Amino acid sequence: MTVIIPTLASSERSVSLVRAVESIHEQEGLCKIIVVVNGNRRDLDVVSALKRARDTRVLELVEGDLVKALTAGVEAVTTPYFSILDDDDHLMAGAARKRIDYMDRHPEADVLVTPGQRQFMDGRTVRVPHLNGKDTIASLLDNNWLASCGGVFRRRSVGHDYFASMPRYLEWTYLAFQLARERSVHFMMDDPFPHFTIVETPSSESRSLEYSLAMPGALAQMQDPSLPLEIQRTLSRKVGAALHHAAGRCKKSGRMRDAWRFHLASLRKRDGMKYLLFTRHLLIGTLRLTRDKRGLDPVE
């Protein structure tokens, strides 16, 4: 099995990156490693150390782009199976053996979703993923079950094209959605031991304004008239909620033109009228911004 690590290889990430690589080396010699260094923040000493590591191939991309890094990594895989590991996460002991054994026993499986744990900055740890019911797509829209380091992919049936089409944000939800529609996805939920640990950091992209603004477009990419009607309705509600959230973030940041754009789009989605009252807040915010720029009297 091959484990792909996309990374900036910056000095700030060197400690966690070393830990990620070591967690793969500890898998009883069962894994090859492909590290895809992307972007211009790389530390040359870190890259040199990676090139000296055993069973490790280093690919270097000029552009800092996760989707392109994953695509390049998958293209380079020569083993029957592969997994992904973020540079701040790590595999648990024995994970590779369990993953390979399962895929060997189930040749019909294109994807295997394995259990893991998420470690928060306050020390809390929770088990992931959460699969609600047997309908994988409906469950996915409630809570993404494909963590970045939780999947095992059969190379002959899951090619680099799946990764090349991923959006900039919400990429793993999008990938899970496509795989659930087109491939045989298996779940190893009965294993009591976690296969991986996801370490939350203050720089997690899900906290950023850019993430909030990109979510509506990423969800919209999943919309398809061939989907069951209830799934289409749920997706429309999800897009509407994401548009409303983006409008709120833009208002808070003083980007009123963008706030209006997202708000008006949210009103057109299923159940979008429930966001109508937010119009008043945008009107007040716009008037206050105009007042501040012109030095007019306060708006009550």
C-alpha atoms as a PDB file:
ATOM      1  CA  MET A   1       0.000   0.000   0.000  1.00  0.00           C
ATOM      2  CA  THR A   2       1.100   3.560  -0.704  1.00  0.00           C
ATOM      3  CA  VAL A   3       0.443   6.476   1.639  1.00  0.00           C
ATOM      4  CA  ILE A   4       0.407   9.928   0.027  1.00  0.00           C
ATOM      5  CA  ILE A   5       1.331  12.952   2.146  1.00  0.00           C
ATOM      6  CA  PRO A   6       0.613  16.360   0.580  1.00  0.00           C
ATOM      7  CA  THR A   7       2.609  19.030   2.394  1.00  0.00           C
ATOM      8  CA  LEU A   8       4.077  22.526   2.196  1.00  0.00           C
ATOM      9  CA  ALA A   9       7.175  21.095   3.940  1.00  0.00           C
ATOM     10  CA  SER A  10       7.572  24.341   5.828  1.00  0.00           C
ATOM     11  CA  SER A  11       9.745  24.601   8.927  1.00  0.00           C
ATOM     12  CA  GLU A  12       6.601  25.226  11.004  1.00  0.00           C
ATOM     13  CA  ARG A  13       5.208  21.828   9.964  1.00  0.00           C
ATOM     14  CA  SER A  14       8.449  19.875  10.239  1.00  0.00           C
ATOM     15  CA  VAL A  15       7.737  18.251  13.622  1.00  0.00           C
ATOM     16  CA  SER A  16       4.258  17.036  12.690  1.00  0.00           C
ATOM     17  CA  LEU A  17       5.467  15.973   9.234  1.00  0.00           C
ATOM     18  CA  VAL A  18       8.228  13.829  10.756  1.00  0.00           C
ATOM     19  CA  ARG A  19       5.676  12.253  13.086  1.00  0.00           C
ATOM     20  CA  ALA A  20       3.377  11.494  10.134  1.00  0.00           C
ATOM     21  CA  VAL A  21       6.206   9.814   8.201  1.00  0.00           C
ATOM     22  CA  GLU A  22       7.336   7.843  11.251  1.00  0.00           C
ATOM     23  CA  SER A  23       3.788   6.574  11.826  1.00  0.00           C
ATOM     24  CA  ILE A  24       3.895   5.074   8.326  1.00  0.00           C
ATOM     25  CA  HIS A  25       7.342   3.548   8.802  1.00  0.00           C
ATOM     26  CA  GLU A  26       5.968   1.817  11.904  1.00  0.00           C
ATOM     27  CA  GLN A  27       3.397  -0.108   9.833  1.00  0.00           C
ATOM     28  CA  GLU A  28       5.491  -3.304   9.729  1.00  0.00           C
ATOM     29  CA  GLY A  29       7.167  -2.263   6.474  1.00  0.00           C
ATOM     30  CA  LEU A  30       3.882  -2.572   4.584  1.00  0.00           C
ATOM     31  CA  CYS A  31       3.795   0.915   3.080  1.00  0.00           C
ATOM     32  CA  LYS A  32       5.558   3.016   0.514  1.00  0.00           C
ATOM     33  CA  ILE A  33       5.390   6.777   0.949  1.00  0.00           C
ATOM     34  CA  ILE A  34       4.853   9.491  -1.644  1.00  0.00           C
ATOM     35  CA  VAL A  35       5.380  12.983  -0.244  1.00  0.00           C
ATOM     36  CA  VAL A  36       4.112  15.738  -2.536  1.00  0.00           C
ATOM     37  CA  VAL A  37       5.810  19.010  -1.603  1.00  0.00           C
ATOM     38  CA  ASN A  38       3.853  21.899  -3.094  1.00  0.00           C
ATOM     39  CA  GLY A  39       4.174  25.669  -2.912  1.00  0.00           C
ATOM     40  CA  ASN A  40       7.044  28.078  -2.217  1.00  0.00           C
ATOM     41  CA  ARG A  41       7.137  27.823   1.589  1.00  0.00           C
ATOM     42  CA  ARG A  42       9.251  24.662   1.625  1.00  0.00           C
ATOM     43  CA  ASP A  43      12.214  24.343   3.941  1.00  0.00           C
ATOM     44  CA  LEU A  44      15.080  22.856   1.915  1.00  0.00           C
ATOM     45  CA  ASP A  45      16.450  21.020   4.946  1.00  0.00           C
ATOM     46  CA  VAL A  46      13.046  19.395   5.502  1.00  0.00           C
ATOM     47  CA  VAL A  47      12.847  18.370   1.835  1.00  0.00           C
ATOM     48  CA  SER A  48      16.383  16.928   1.944  1.00  0.00           C
ATOM     49  CA  ALA A  49      15.498  14.871   5.030  1.00  0.00           C
ATOM     50  CA  LEU A  50      12.409  13.518   3.287  1.00  0.00           C
ATOM     51  CA  LYS A  51      14.477  12.457   0.285  1.00  0.00           C
ATOM     52  CA  ARG A  52      16.784  10.488   2.560  1.00  0.00           C
ATOM     53  CA  ALA A  53      13.941   8.657   4.325  1.00  0.00           C
ATOM     54  CA  ARG A  54      13.492   4.976   3.446  1.00  0.00           C
ATOM     55  CA  ASP A  55      10.693   3.822   1.160  1.00  0.00           C
ATOM     56  CA  THR A  56       9.904   7.470   0.407  1.00  0.00           C
ATOM     57  CA  ARG A  57       9.508   9.184  -2.940  1.00  0.00           C
ATOM     58  CA  VAL A  58       9.346  12.989  -3.006  1.00  0.00           C
ATOM     59  CA  LEU A  59       7.475  14.889  -5.713  1.00  0.00           C
ATOM     60  CA  GLU A  60       7.869  18.661  -5.909  1.00  0.00           C
ATOM     61  CA  LEU A  61       5.275  21.047  -7.356  1.00  0.00           C
ATOM     62  CA  VAL A  62       5.836  24.784  -7.733  1.00  0.00           C
ATOM     63  CA  GLU A  63       2.216  25.715  -7.053  1.00  0.00           C
ATOM     64  CA  GLY A  64       0.778  25.382  -3.572  1.00  0.00           C
ATOM     65  CA  ASP A  65      -2.432  23.526  -4.367  1.00  0.00           C
ATOM     66  CA  LEU A  66      -3.845  20.570  -2.403  1.00  0.00           C
ATOM     67  CA  VAL A  67      -5.957  19.229  -5.268  1.00  0.00           C
ATOM     68  CA  LYS A  68      -3.014  19.239  -7.687  1.00  0.00           C
ATOM     69  CA  ALA A  69      -0.794  17.683  -5.037  1.00  0.00           C
ATOM     70  CA  LEU A  70      -3.257  14.840  -4.444  1.00  0.00           C
ATOM     71  CA  THR A  71      -3.717  14.310  -8.175  1.00  0.00           C
ATOM     72  CA  ALA A  72       0.046  14.072  -8.741  1.00  0.00           C
ATOM     73  CA  GLY A  73       0.408  11.694  -5.814  1.00  0.00           C
ATOM     74  CA  VAL A  74      -2.313   9.339  -7.017  1.00  0.00           C
ATOM     75  CA  GLU A  75      -0.872   9.344 -10.542  1.00  0.00           C
ATOM     76  CA  ALA A  76       2.440   8.119  -9.096  1.00  0.00           C
ATOM     77  CA  VAL A  77       0.946   5.182  -7.141  1.00  0.00           C
ATOM     78  CA  THR A  78       2.097   1.738  -8.326  1.00  0.00           C
ATOM     79  CA  THR A  79       0.694  -0.405  -5.480  1.00  0.00           C
ATOM     80  CA  PRO A  80      -2.800  -1.987  -5.505  1.00  0.00           C
ATOM     81  CA  TYR A  81      -4.063   0.276  -2.706  1.00  0.00           C
ATOM     82  CA  PHE A  82      -3.373   3.783  -1.456  1.00  0.00           C
ATOM     83  CA  SER A  83      -4.343   6.116   1.366  1.00  0.00           C
ATOM     84  CA  ILE A  84      -3.866   9.802   2.137  1.00  0.00           C
ATOM     85  CA  LEU A  85      -2.318  11.265   5.301  1.00  0.00           C
ATOM     86  CA  ASP A  86      -2.224  14.966   6.151  1.00  0.00           C
ATOM     87  CA  ASP A  87       1.118  16.194   7.432  1.00  0.00           C
ATOM     88  CA  ASP A  88      -0.283  17.005  10.883  1.00  0.00           C
ATOM     89  CA  ASP A  89      -2.068  13.653  11.374  1.00  0.00           C
ATOM     90  CA  HIS A  90      -0.745  10.135  11.922  1.00  0.00           C
ATOM     91  CA  LEU A  91      -1.609   6.470  11.455  1.00  0.00           C
ATOM     92  CA  MET A  92      -2.097   4.268  14.486  1.00  0.00           C
ATOM     93  CA  ALA A  93      -0.134   1.050  15.006  1.00  0.00           C
ATOM     94  CA  GLY A  94      -1.416  -1.869  12.931  1.00  0.00           C
ATOM     95  CA  ALA A  95      -3.677   0.248  10.713  1.00  0.00           C
ATOM     96  CA  ALA A  96      -2.018  -0.686   7.411  1.00  0.00           C
ATOM     97  CA  ARG A  97      -2.209  -4.435   8.126  1.00  0.00           C
ATOM     98  CA  LYS A  98      -5.947  -4.217   8.852  1.00  0.00           C
ATOM     99  CA  ARG A  99      -6.586  -2.128   5.757  1.00  0.00           C
ATOM    100  CA  ILE A 100      -4.647  -4.363   3.387  1.00  0.00           C
ATOM    101  CA  ASP A 101      -6.185  -7.552   4.813  1.00  0.00           C
ATOM    102  CA  TYR A 102      -9.702  -6.171   4.358  1.00  0.00           C
ATOM    103  CA  MET A 103      -9.116  -5.068   0.762  1.00  0.00           C
ATOM    104  CA  ASP A 104      -7.523  -8.440  -0.058  1.00  0.00           C
ATOM    105  CA  ARG A 105     -10.552 -10.264   1.375  1.00  0.00           C
ATOM    106  CA  HIS A 106     -13.050  -8.017  -0.436  1.00  0.00           C
ATOM    107  CA  PRO A 107     -12.011  -7.618  -4.080  1.00  0.00           C
ATOM    108  CA  GLU A 108     -15.383  -6.000  -4.786  1.00  0.00           C
ATOM    109  CA  ALA A 109     -14.528  -3.028  -2.542  1.00  0.00           C
ATOM    110  CA  ASP A 110     -13.287   0.064  -4.370  1.00  0.00           C
ATOM    111  CA  VAL A 111     -13.096   2.173  -1.220  1.00  0.00           C
ATOM    112  CA  LEU A 112     -12.802   1.271   2.453  1.00  0.00           C
ATOM    113  CA  VAL A 113     -13.762   3.817   5.130  1.00  0.00           C
ATOM    114  CA  THR A 114     -11.975   3.135   8.412  1.00  0.00           C
ATOM    115  CA  PRO A 115     -12.609   4.443  11.939  1.00  0.00           C
ATOM    116  CA  GLY A 116     -10.343   6.968  13.612  1.00  0.00           C
ATOM    117  CA  GLN A 117     -10.309   9.751  16.148  1.00  0.00           C
ATOM    118  CA  ARG A 118     -10.244  13.537  16.102  1.00  0.00           C
ATOM    119  CA  GLN A 119      -8.128  15.254  18.742  1.00  0.00           C
ATOM    120  CA  PHE A 120      -9.155  18.802  19.593  1.00  0.00           C
ATOM    121  CA  MET A 121      -6.910  21.553  20.888  1.00  0.00           C
ATOM    122  CA  ASP A 122      -8.550  21.393  24.321  1.00  0.00           C
ATOM    123  CA  GLY A 123      -7.562  17.720  24.667  1.00  0.00           C
ATOM    124  CA  ARG A 124     -10.935  16.206  23.845  1.00  0.00           C
ATOM    125  CA  THR A 125     -10.969  13.166  21.566  1.00  0.00           C
ATOM    126  CA  VAL A 126     -13.982  11.916  19.603  1.00  0.00           C
ATOM    127  CA  ARG A 127     -14.423   8.908  17.349  1.00  0.00           C
ATOM    128  CA  VAL A 128     -14.965   9.470  13.620  1.00  0.00           C
ATOM    129  CA  PRO A 129     -16.714   8.989  11.295  1.00  0.00           C
ATOM    130  CA  HIS A 130     -20.424   8.927  12.109  1.00  0.00           C
ATOM    131  CA  LEU A 131     -22.560   6.922   9.685  1.00  0.00           C
ATOM    132  CA  ASN A 132     -26.282   7.474  10.133  1.00  0.00           C
ATOM    133  CA  GLY A 133     -28.287   4.635   8.597  1.00  0.00           C
ATOM    134  CA  LYS A 134     -27.514   2.564   5.516  1.00  0.00           C
ATOM    135  CA  ASP A 135     -27.985   5.265   2.862  1.00  0.00           C
ATOM    136  CA  THR A 136     -24.435   6.498   2.388  1.00  0.00           C
ATOM    137  CA  ILE A 137     -25.370   9.606   0.375  1.00  0.00           C
ATOM    138  CA  ALA A 138     -28.124  10.727   2.752  1.00  0.00           C
ATOM    139  CA  SER A 139     -25.790  10.123   5.710  1.00  0.00           C
ATOM    140  CA  LEU A 140     -23.020  12.068   3.970  1.00  0.00           C
ATOM    141  CA  LEU A 141     -25.208  15.158   3.679  1.00  0.00           C
ATOM    142  CA  ASP A 142     -25.781  14.985   7.418  1.00  0.00           C
ATOM    143  CA  ASN A 143     -22.140  14.392   8.365  1.00  0.00           C
ATOM    144  CA  ASN A 144     -19.125  13.650   6.147  1.00  0.00           C
ATOM    145  CA  TRP A 145     -17.905  10.089   6.764  1.00  0.00           C
ATOM    146  CA  LEU A 146     -14.735  10.263   4.628  1.00  0.00           C
ATOM    147  CA  ALA A 147     -11.913  11.825   6.607  1.00  0.00           C
ATOM    148  CA  SER A 148      -8.828  12.752   4.600  1.00  0.00           C
ATOM    149  CA  CYS A 149      -6.775   9.995   6.262  1.00  0.00           C
ATOM    150  CA  GLY A 150      -9.628   7.543   6.788  1.00  0.00           C
ATOM    151  CA  GLY A 151     -10.023   6.116   3.291  1.00  0.00           C
ATOM    152  CA  VAL A 152      -8.327   3.215   1.515  1.00  0.00           C
ATOM    153  CA  PHE A 153      -8.634   3.273  -2.282  1.00  0.00           C
ATOM    154  CA  ARG A 154      -8.190   0.533  -4.854  1.00  0.00           C
ATOM    155  CA  ARG A 155      -5.908   2.061  -7.461  1.00  0.00           C
ATOM    156  CA  ARG A 156      -7.395   0.323 -10.495  1.00  0.00           C
ATOM    157  CA  SER A 157     -10.894   1.676  -9.820  1.00  0.00           C
ATOM    158  CA  VAL A 158     -10.210   5.003  -8.104  1.00  0.00           C
ATOM    159  CA  GLY A 159      -7.958   7.004 -10.400  1.00  0.00           C
ATOM    160  CA  HIS A 160      -6.440  10.462 -10.255  1.00  0.00           C
ATOM    161  CA  ASP A 161      -9.452  11.931 -12.114  1.00  0.00           C
ATOM    162  CA  TYR A 162     -11.533  11.679  -8.938  1.00  0.00           C
ATOM    163  CA  PHE A 163      -9.041  13.919  -7.164  1.00  0.00           C
ATOM    164  CA  ALA A 164      -8.498  16.311 -10.066  1.00  0.00           C
ATOM    165  CA  SER A 165     -12.196  17.281  -9.993  1.00  0.00           C
ATOM    166  CA  MET A 166     -12.250  18.091  -6.256  1.00  0.00           C
ATOM    167  CA  PRO A 167     -13.211  21.681  -5.322  1.00  0.00           C
ATOM    168  CA  ARG A 168     -10.785  23.887  -3.386  1.00  0.00           C
ATOM    169  CA  TYR A 169     -12.787  23.500  -0.160  1.00  0.00           C
ATOM    170  CA  LEU A 170     -15.131  20.772   1.115  1.00  0.00           C
ATOM    171  CA  GLU A 171     -13.011  18.468  -1.031  1.00  0.00           C
ATOM    172  CA  TRP A 172     -13.472  15.284   1.010  1.00  0.00           C
ATOM    173  CA  THR A 173     -17.256  15.634   1.184  1.00  0.00           C
ATOM    174  CA  TYR A 174     -17.298  16.093  -2.591  1.00  0.00           C
ATOM    175  CA  LEU A 175     -15.035  13.072  -3.139  1.00  0.00           C
ATOM    176  CA  ALA A 176     -17.148  10.900  -0.822  1.00  0.00           C
ATOM    177  CA  PHE A 177     -20.269  11.990  -2.704  1.00  0.00           C
ATOM    178  CA  GLN A 178     -18.827  10.984  -6.078  1.00  0.00           C
ATOM    179  CA  LEU A 179     -17.474   7.678  -4.799  1.00  0.00           C
ATOM    180  CA  ALA A 180     -20.767   6.782  -3.102  1.00  0.00           C
ATOM    181  CA  ARG A 181     -22.568   7.311  -6.411  1.00  0.00           C
ATOM    182  CA  GLU A 182     -20.129   5.506  -8.688  1.00  0.00           C
ATOM    183  CA  ARG A 183     -18.075   3.002  -6.691  1.00  0.00           C
ATOM    184  CA  SER A 184     -18.484   0.255  -4.103  1.00  0.00           C
ATOM    185  CA  VAL A 185     -17.795   1.822  -0.697  1.00  0.00           C
ATOM    186  CA  HIS A 186     -17.281  -0.439   2.333  1.00  0.00           C
ATOM    187  CA  PHE A 187     -17.182   0.612   5.989  1.00  0.00           C
ATOM    188  CA  MET A 188     -15.072  -0.918   8.764  1.00  0.00           C
ATOM    189  CA  MET A 189     -17.120   0.486  11.628  1.00  0.00           C
ATOM    190  CA  ASP A 190     -16.889  -2.582  13.866  1.00  0.00           C
ATOM    191  CA  ASP A 191     -13.161  -2.145  14.605  1.00  0.00           C
ATOM    192  CA  PRO A 192     -12.965  -0.782  18.184  1.00  0.00           C
ATOM    193  CA  PHE A 193      -9.478   0.638  17.630  1.00  0.00           C
ATOM    194  CA  PRO A 194      -8.833   3.855  15.670  1.00  0.00           C
ATOM    195  CA  HIS A 195      -6.772   3.640  12.494  1.00  0.00           C
ATOM    196  CA  PHE A 196      -5.718   7.288  12.534  1.00  0.00           C
ATOM    197  CA  THR A 197      -5.662  10.483  14.568  1.00  0.00           C
ATOM    198  CA  ILE A 198      -6.675  13.847  13.118  1.00  0.00           C
ATOM    199  CA  VAL A 199      -5.084  16.681  15.053  1.00  0.00           C
ATOM    200  CA  GLU A 200      -7.044  19.942  15.063  1.00  0.00           C
ATOM    201  CA  THR A 201      -4.929  23.110  14.820  1.00  0.00           C
ATOM    202  CA  PRO A 202      -5.714  26.859  15.076  1.00  0.00           C
ATOM    203  CA  SER A 203      -5.021  27.189  11.336  1.00  0.00           C
ATOM    204  CA  SER A 204      -7.711  24.680  10.309  1.00  0.00           C
ATOM    205  CA  GLU A 205      -9.194  25.947   7.035  1.00  0.00           C
ATOM    206  CA  SER A 206     -12.769  25.274   8.181  1.00  0.00           C
ATOM    207  CA  ARG A 207     -12.415  28.315  10.466  1.00  0.00           C
ATOM    208  CA  SER A 208     -11.424  30.693   7.656  1.00  0.00           C
ATOM    209  CA  LEU A 209     -13.524  33.243   5.796  1.00  0.00           C
ATOM    210  CA  GLU A 210     -12.356  31.767   2.478  1.00  0.00           C
ATOM    211  CA  TYR A 211     -13.757  28.373   3.493  1.00  0.00           C
ATOM    212  CA  SER A 212     -17.158  29.896   4.305  1.00  0.00           C
ATOM    213  CA  LEU A 213     -17.304  31.741   0.994  1.00  0.00           C
ATOM    214  CA  ALA A 214     -16.349  28.667  -1.020  1.00  0.00           C
ATOM    215  CA  MET A 215     -18.813  26.250   0.614  1.00  0.00           C
ATOM    216  CA  PRO A 216     -21.885  27.223  -1.489  1.00  0.00           C
ATOM    217  CA  GLY A 217     -20.027  26.571  -4.737  1.00  0.00           C
ATOM    218  CA  ALA A 218     -18.588  23.282  -3.491  1.00  0.00           C
ATOM    219  CA  LEU A 219     -22.050  22.043  -2.457  1.00  0.00           C
ATOM    220  CA  ALA A 220     -23.531  23.249  -5.746  1.00  0.00           C
ATOM    221  CA  GLN A 221     -21.047  21.018  -7.602  1.00  0.00           C
ATOM    222  CA  MET A 222     -22.805  18.010  -6.069  1.00  0.00           C
ATOM    223  CA  GLN A 223     -26.243  18.972  -7.388  1.00  0.00           C
ATOM    224  CA  ASP A 224     -27.510  16.695 -10.128  1.00  0.00           C
ATOM    225  CA  PRO A 225     -31.074  16.225 -11.472  1.00  0.00           C
ATOM    226  CA  SER A 226     -30.496  12.459 -11.679  1.00  0.00           C
ATOM    227  CA  LEU A 227     -30.286  12.199  -7.884  1.00  0.00           C
ATOM    228  CA  PRO A 228     -33.313  11.053  -5.862  1.00  0.00           C
ATOM    229  CA  LEU A 229     -35.726  13.937  -5.269  1.00  0.00           C
ATOM    230  CA  GLU A 230     -35.226  14.021  -1.496  1.00  0.00           C
ATOM    231  CA  ILE A 231     -31.447  14.178  -1.932  1.00  0.00           C
ATOM    232  CA  GLN A 232     -31.879  17.072  -4.379  1.00  0.00           C
ATOM    233  CA  ARG A 233     -34.052  18.908  -1.862  1.00  0.00           C
ATOM    234  CA  THR A 234     -31.596  18.326   0.959  1.00  0.00           C
ATOM    235  CA  LEU A 235     -28.716  19.585  -1.180  1.00  0.00           C
ATOM    236  CA  SER A 236     -30.691  22.700  -2.092  1.00  0.00           C
ATOM    237  CA  ARG A 237     -31.288  23.400   1.606  1.00  0.00           C
ATOM    238  CA  LYS A 238     -27.588  22.826   2.313  1.00  0.00           C
ATOM    239  CA  VAL A 239     -26.580  25.278  -0.423  1.00  0.00           C
ATOM    240  CA  GLY A 240     -29.073  27.826   0.936  1.00  0.00           C
ATOM    241  CA  ALA A 241     -27.711  27.474   4.467  1.00  0.00           C
ATOM    242  CA  ALA A 242     -24.138  27.844   3.183  1.00  0.00           C
ATOM    243  CA  LEU A 243     -25.109  30.980   1.230  1.00  0.00           C
ATOM    244  CA  HIS A 244     -26.742  32.456   4.340  1.00  0.00           C
ATOM    245  CA  HIS A 245     -23.677  31.661   6.432  1.00  0.00           C
ATOM    246  CA  ALA A 246     -21.414  33.264   3.805  1.00  0.00           C
ATOM    247  CA  ALA A 247     -23.624  36.368   3.792  1.00  0.00           C
ATOM    248  CA  GLY A 248     -23.255  36.650   7.555  1.00  0.00           C
ATOM    249  CA  ARG A 249     -19.470  36.278   7.419  1.00  0.00           C
ATOM    250  CA  CYS A 250     -19.260  38.946   4.688  1.00  0.00           C
ATOM    251  CA  LYS A 251     -21.441  41.353   6.683  1.00  0.00           C
ATOM    252  CA  LYS A 252     -19.240  40.865   9.742  1.00  0.00           C
ATOM    253  CA  SER A 253     -16.157  41.572   7.594  1.00  0.00           C
ATOM    254  CA  GLY A 254     -17.665  44.713   6.080  1.00  0.00           C
ATOM    255  CA  ARG A 255     -17.963  43.192   2.619  1.00  0.00           C
ATOM    256  CA  MET A 256     -21.549  44.365   2.110  1.00  0.00           C
ATOM    257  CA  ARG A 257     -21.658  43.917  -1.665  1.00  0.00           C
ATOM    258  CA  ASP A 258     -20.705  40.243  -1.294  1.00  0.00           C
ATOM    259  CA  ALA A 259     -23.093  39.884   1.647  1.00  0.00           C
ATOM    260  CA  TRP A 260     -25.993  41.045  -0.512  1.00  0.00           C
ATOM    261  CA  ARG A 261     -24.957  38.735  -3.346  1.00  0.00           C
ATOM    262  CA  PHE A 262     -24.897  35.669  -1.105  1.00  0.00           C
ATOM    263  CA  HIS A 263     -28.098  36.697   0.693  1.00  0.00           C
ATOM    264  CA  LEU A 264     -30.146  37.180  -2.475  1.00  0.00           C
ATOM    265  CA  ALA A 265     -28.914  33.813  -3.766  1.00  0.00           C
ATOM    266  CA  SER A 266     -29.941  32.133  -0.487  1.00  0.00           C
ATOM    267  CA  LEU A 267     -33.507  33.418  -0.862  1.00  0.00           C
ATOM    268  CA  ARG A 268     -33.830  31.536  -4.148  1.00  0.00           C
ATOM    269  CA  LYS A 269     -32.970  28.155  -2.611  1.00  0.00           C
ATOM    270  CA  ARG A 270     -35.426  25.672  -1.124  1.00  0.00           C
ATOM    271  CA  ASP A 271     -36.859  27.078   2.127  1.00  0.00           C
ATOM    272  CA  GLY A 272     -34.843  30.217   1.437  1.00  0.00           C
ATOM    273  CA  MET A 273     -37.605  32.539   2.642  1.00  0.00           C
ATOM    274  CA  LYS A 274     -36.618  31.733   6.222  1.00  0.00           C
ATOM    275  CA  TYR A 275     -33.576  33.945   5.631  1.00  0.00           C
ATOM    276  CA  LEU A 276     -35.740  36.924   4.610  1.00  0.00           C
ATOM    277  CA  LEU A 277     -35.470  38.635   8.007  1.00  0.00           C
ATOM    278  CA  PHE A 278     -31.712  38.898   7.482  1.00  0.00           C
ATOM    279  CA  THR A 279     -32.503  41.525   4.838  1.00  0.00           C
ATOM    280  CA  ARG A 280     -33.194  44.034   7.617  1.00  0.00           C
ATOM    281  CA  HIS A 281     -29.764  43.427   9.147  1.00  0.00           C
ATOM    282  CA  LEU A 282     -28.100  43.943   5.771  1.00  0.00           C
ATOM    283  CA  LEU A 283     -30.040  47.162   5.174  1.00  0.00           C
ATOM    284  CA  ILE A 284     -28.972  48.536   8.549  1.00  0.00           C
ATOM    285  CA  GLY A 285     -25.400  47.403   7.975  1.00  0.00           C
ATOM    286  CA  THR A 286     -25.318  49.029   4.530  1.00  0.00           C
ATOM    287  CA  LEU A 287     -26.761  52.307   5.839  1.00  0.00           C
ATOM    288  CA  ARG A 288     -24.252  52.379   8.692  1.00  0.00           C
ATOM    289  CA  LEU A 289     -21.384  51.753   6.305  1.00  0.00           C
ATOM    290  CA  THR A 290     -22.623  54.561   4.048  1.00  0.00           C
ATOM    291  CA  ARG A 291     -22.960  56.851   7.075  1.00  0.00           C
ATOM    292  CA  ASP A 292     -19.415  56.099   8.215  1.00  0.00           C
ATOM    293  CA  LYS A 293     -18.019  56.819   4.776  1.00  0.00           C
ATOM    294  CA  ARG A 294     -19.912  60.130   4.436  1.00  0.00           C
ATOM    295  CA  GLY A 295     -19.738  61.217   8.066  1.00  0.00           C
ATOM    296  CA  LEU A 296     -23.527  61.338   8.445  1.00  0.00           C
ATOM    297  CA  ASP A 297     -25.600  61.055  11.629  1.00  0.00           C
ATOM    298  CA  PRO A 298     -25.954  57.566  13.185  1.00  0.00           C
ATOM    299  CA  VAL A 299     -28.642  55.199  11.924  1.00  0.00           C
ATOM    300  CA  GLU A 300     -30.995  54.060  14.683  1.00  0.00           C
END
